[in-house]
N, C-alpha and C. Protein backbone atom coordinates (compact mmCIF):
# COMPACT_ATOMS: atom_id res chain seq x y z
N MET A 1 57.73 12.61 124.35
CA MET A 1 56.60 13.07 125.13
C MET A 1 56.28 14.53 124.83
N SER A 2 57.32 15.37 124.71
CA SER A 2 57.08 16.79 124.44
C SER A 2 56.47 17.00 123.06
N GLU A 3 56.79 16.09 122.11
CA GLU A 3 56.19 16.19 120.78
C GLU A 3 54.69 15.94 120.84
N ILE A 4 54.28 15.01 121.66
CA ILE A 4 52.85 14.71 121.82
C ILE A 4 52.13 15.90 122.45
N LEU A 5 52.75 16.50 123.47
CA LEU A 5 52.15 17.66 124.12
C LEU A 5 52.04 18.83 123.15
N ALA A 6 53.03 19.01 122.32
CA ALA A 6 52.98 20.09 121.33
C ALA A 6 51.86 19.86 120.33
N ARG A 7 51.66 18.61 119.93
CA ARG A 7 50.57 18.28 119.00
C ARG A 7 49.21 18.49 119.65
N ILE A 8 49.11 18.18 120.93
CA ILE A 8 47.85 18.40 121.66
C ILE A 8 47.56 19.90 121.74
N ASP A 9 48.58 20.69 122.07
CA ASP A 9 48.41 22.16 122.14
C ASP A 9 47.95 22.72 120.80
N LEU A 10 48.54 22.22 119.72
CA LEU A 10 48.16 22.68 118.38
C LEU A 10 46.71 22.31 118.08
N ALA A 11 46.32 21.09 118.43
CA ALA A 11 44.93 20.65 118.19
C ALA A 11 43.95 21.51 118.99
N ILE A 12 44.30 21.82 120.23
CA ILE A 12 43.43 22.65 121.07
C ILE A 12 43.30 24.05 120.47
N ALA A 13 44.41 24.61 120.01
CA ALA A 13 44.37 25.94 119.40
C ALA A 13 43.48 25.94 118.16
N GLU A 14 43.57 24.89 117.36
CA GLU A 14 42.72 24.79 116.17
C GLU A 14 41.25 24.67 116.55
N LEU A 15 40.95 23.88 117.56
CA LEU A 15 39.56 23.73 118.02
C LEU A 15 39.00 25.04 118.55
N VAL A 16 39.81 25.80 119.26
CA VAL A 16 39.37 27.10 119.77
C VAL A 16 39.04 28.03 118.62
N GLN A 17 39.86 28.01 117.57
CA GLN A 17 39.58 28.84 116.39
C GLN A 17 38.27 28.42 115.72
N ILE A 18 38.06 27.12 115.59
CA ILE A 18 36.83 26.61 114.97
C ILE A 18 35.63 27.02 115.80
N ARG A 19 35.74 26.88 117.12
CA ARG A 19 34.62 27.24 118.00
C ARG A 19 34.31 28.73 117.88
N SER A 20 35.34 29.55 117.84
CA SER A 20 35.14 31.00 117.72
C SER A 20 34.43 31.35 116.42
N ALA A 21 34.78 30.64 115.36
CA ALA A 21 34.16 30.91 114.07
C ALA A 21 32.70 30.46 114.04
N LEU A 22 32.37 29.40 114.77
CA LEU A 22 31.02 28.87 114.75
C LEU A 22 30.10 29.48 115.81
N ALA A 23 30.68 29.99 116.89
CA ALA A 23 29.87 30.51 117.99
C ALA A 23 29.19 31.80 117.59
N PRO A 24 27.89 31.92 117.89
CA PRO A 24 27.20 33.18 117.59
C PRO A 24 27.69 34.29 118.51
N GLU A 25 27.53 35.51 118.05
CA GLU A 25 27.89 36.65 118.88
C GLU A 25 27.00 36.65 120.11
N THR A 26 27.57 36.97 121.25
CA THR A 26 26.79 37.03 122.48
C THR A 26 26.90 38.41 123.08
N ASP A 27 25.86 38.80 123.83
CA ASP A 27 25.92 40.07 124.53
C ASP A 27 26.45 39.84 125.94
N GLU A 28 26.72 40.90 126.67
CA GLU A 28 27.30 40.81 128.00
C GLU A 28 26.42 40.03 128.97
N SER A 29 25.09 40.17 128.86
CA SER A 29 24.21 39.52 129.83
C SER A 29 24.28 38.01 129.75
N SER A 30 24.54 37.46 128.58
CA SER A 30 24.61 36.00 128.47
C SER A 30 25.92 35.45 128.99
N CYS A 31 26.88 36.30 129.27
CA CYS A 31 28.16 35.86 129.79
C CYS A 31 28.19 35.82 131.33
N GLN A 32 27.12 36.27 131.94
CA GLN A 32 27.05 36.27 133.40
C GLN A 32 26.96 34.84 133.91
N PRO A 33 27.58 34.52 135.04
CA PRO A 33 27.50 33.17 135.57
C PRO A 33 26.06 32.82 135.94
N GLN A 34 25.69 31.59 135.66
CA GLN A 34 24.35 31.10 135.97
C GLN A 34 24.34 30.47 137.36
N GLU A 35 23.20 30.53 138.01
CA GLU A 35 23.05 29.93 139.32
C GLU A 35 23.14 28.42 139.19
N GLU A 36 23.77 27.77 140.13
CA GLU A 36 23.87 26.32 140.12
C GLU A 36 22.49 25.71 140.21
N ASP A 37 22.32 24.59 139.54
CA ASP A 37 21.04 23.91 139.57
C ASP A 37 20.82 23.19 140.89
N PHE A 38 21.88 22.67 141.48
CA PHE A 38 21.77 21.92 142.72
C PHE A 38 22.71 22.49 143.77
N VAL A 39 22.23 22.46 145.03
CA VAL A 39 23.06 22.87 146.17
C VAL A 39 22.94 21.79 147.24
N ASP A 40 23.90 21.76 148.16
CA ASP A 40 23.83 20.77 149.23
C ASP A 40 22.70 21.11 150.19
N THR A 41 22.32 20.15 151.03
CA THR A 41 21.16 20.33 151.90
C THR A 41 21.35 21.45 152.91
N SER A 42 22.57 21.66 153.38
CA SER A 42 22.81 22.74 154.35
C SER A 42 22.58 24.10 153.71
N THR A 43 23.08 24.28 152.49
CA THR A 43 22.88 25.53 151.78
C THR A 43 21.41 25.77 151.50
N ALA A 44 20.71 24.73 151.05
CA ALA A 44 19.28 24.85 150.76
C ALA A 44 18.50 25.18 152.02
N ALA A 45 18.85 24.55 153.14
CA ALA A 45 18.15 24.80 154.39
C ALA A 45 18.30 26.26 154.80
N GLU A 46 19.51 26.80 154.68
CA GLU A 46 19.73 28.21 155.00
C GLU A 46 18.99 29.13 154.05
N ARG A 47 19.13 28.86 152.76
CA ARG A 47 18.56 29.74 151.74
C ARG A 47 17.03 29.79 151.80
N PHE A 48 16.41 28.63 152.09
CA PHE A 48 14.95 28.56 152.06
C PHE A 48 14.33 28.52 153.46
N ASN A 49 15.16 28.73 154.48
CA ASN A 49 14.70 28.82 155.86
C ASN A 49 13.90 27.58 156.28
N LEU A 50 14.49 26.40 156.05
CA LEU A 50 13.88 25.13 156.42
C LEU A 50 14.90 24.31 157.20
N PRO A 51 14.43 23.41 158.07
CA PRO A 51 15.37 22.52 158.75
C PRO A 51 16.06 21.59 157.74
N ARG A 52 17.32 21.24 158.00
CA ARG A 52 18.05 20.35 157.09
C ARG A 52 17.35 19.01 156.93
N ASP A 53 16.76 18.49 158.01
CA ASP A 53 16.05 17.21 157.92
C ASP A 53 14.87 17.29 156.95
N THR A 54 14.20 18.42 156.93
CA THR A 54 13.08 18.62 156.01
C THR A 54 13.57 18.63 154.57
N VAL A 55 14.68 19.31 154.33
CA VAL A 55 15.24 19.36 152.99
C VAL A 55 15.65 17.96 152.54
N ARG A 56 16.29 17.21 153.42
CA ARG A 56 16.67 15.83 153.10
C ARG A 56 15.43 14.98 152.81
N TRP A 57 14.38 15.15 153.61
CA TRP A 57 13.14 14.41 153.40
C TRP A 57 12.53 14.74 152.04
N LEU A 58 12.53 16.02 151.67
CA LEU A 58 12.01 16.43 150.37
C LEU A 58 12.82 15.79 149.23
N CYS A 59 14.12 15.68 149.41
CA CYS A 59 14.96 15.04 148.40
C CYS A 59 14.60 13.57 148.25
N GLU A 60 14.54 12.88 149.38
CA GLU A 60 14.28 11.44 149.37
C GLU A 60 12.86 11.09 148.95
N ASN A 61 11.88 11.78 149.50
CA ASN A 61 10.49 11.36 149.34
C ASN A 61 9.70 12.11 148.27
N LYS A 62 10.15 13.28 147.91
CA LYS A 62 9.42 14.08 146.92
C LYS A 62 10.22 14.29 145.63
N GLY A 63 11.37 13.63 145.53
CA GLY A 63 12.16 13.70 144.31
C GLY A 63 12.74 15.06 144.00
N MET A 64 13.04 15.84 145.02
CA MET A 64 13.53 17.20 144.81
C MET A 64 15.05 17.28 144.75
N GLY A 65 15.72 16.14 144.84
CA GLY A 65 17.16 16.16 144.82
C GLY A 65 17.74 14.87 144.30
N GLU A 66 19.04 14.79 144.37
CA GLU A 66 19.73 13.58 143.95
C GLU A 66 20.90 13.32 144.89
N LYS A 67 21.22 12.06 145.03
CA LYS A 67 22.31 11.68 145.92
C LYS A 67 23.59 11.54 145.11
N ARG A 68 24.64 12.21 145.59
CA ARG A 68 25.94 12.15 144.93
C ARG A 68 26.98 11.80 145.98
N GLY A 69 27.60 10.68 145.81
CA GLY A 69 28.66 10.28 146.74
C GLY A 69 28.19 10.20 148.18
N GLY A 70 26.97 9.77 148.40
CA GLY A 70 26.45 9.62 149.75
C GLY A 70 25.85 10.88 150.35
N ARG A 71 25.85 11.99 149.60
CA ARG A 71 25.28 13.24 150.10
C ARG A 71 24.14 13.67 149.19
N TRP A 72 23.13 14.29 149.79
CA TRP A 72 22.00 14.78 149.03
C TRP A 72 22.25 16.19 148.52
N TYR A 73 21.86 16.42 147.28
CA TYR A 73 21.89 17.75 146.66
C TYR A 73 20.49 18.04 146.16
N VAL A 74 20.01 19.22 146.49
CA VAL A 74 18.62 19.59 146.20
C VAL A 74 18.57 20.56 145.02
N SER A 75 17.53 20.41 144.21
CA SER A 75 17.31 21.30 143.08
C SER A 75 16.82 22.65 143.58
N VAL A 76 17.52 23.71 143.19
CA VAL A 76 17.14 25.06 143.61
C VAL A 76 15.75 25.40 143.05
N GLN A 77 15.51 25.06 141.79
CA GLN A 77 14.22 25.36 141.17
C GLN A 77 13.09 24.60 141.86
N ALA A 78 13.31 23.34 142.21
CA ALA A 78 12.29 22.57 142.91
C ALA A 78 11.98 23.18 144.28
N MET A 79 13.01 23.68 144.97
CA MET A 79 12.79 24.32 146.27
C MET A 79 12.01 25.63 146.10
N ARG A 80 12.33 26.38 145.06
CA ARG A 80 11.57 27.62 144.81
C ARG A 80 10.10 27.30 144.57
N ASP A 81 9.84 26.29 143.76
CA ASP A 81 8.46 25.89 143.48
C ASP A 81 7.75 25.43 144.76
N TYR A 82 8.46 24.67 145.59
CA TYR A 82 7.89 24.18 146.84
C TYR A 82 7.53 25.34 147.77
N LYS A 83 8.45 26.29 147.91
CA LYS A 83 8.19 27.42 148.81
C LYS A 83 7.10 28.35 148.26
N ARG A 84 6.97 28.41 146.95
CA ARG A 84 5.96 29.28 146.33
C ARG A 84 4.55 28.72 146.57
N ASP A 85 4.44 27.39 146.57
CA ASP A 85 3.10 26.77 146.76
C ASP A 85 2.61 26.80 148.17
């Protein structure tokens, strides 16, 4: 078993080297964390100052979100567009 793990570690190290060689140089700004595309309905309701039921309705009826494991997650960009209009 330890031989298999050692081979996996070696393969990962080789892949990291290949990726480093192929990856273009990046500046500091591109390394900053990006905002999540989707947030839960409670977070969206707080952030966009809307009732949670309204956010859920927008997800269900206006296609602004997706259901994951029985919970709705709303697109941040779709909410921005909705509030802007």
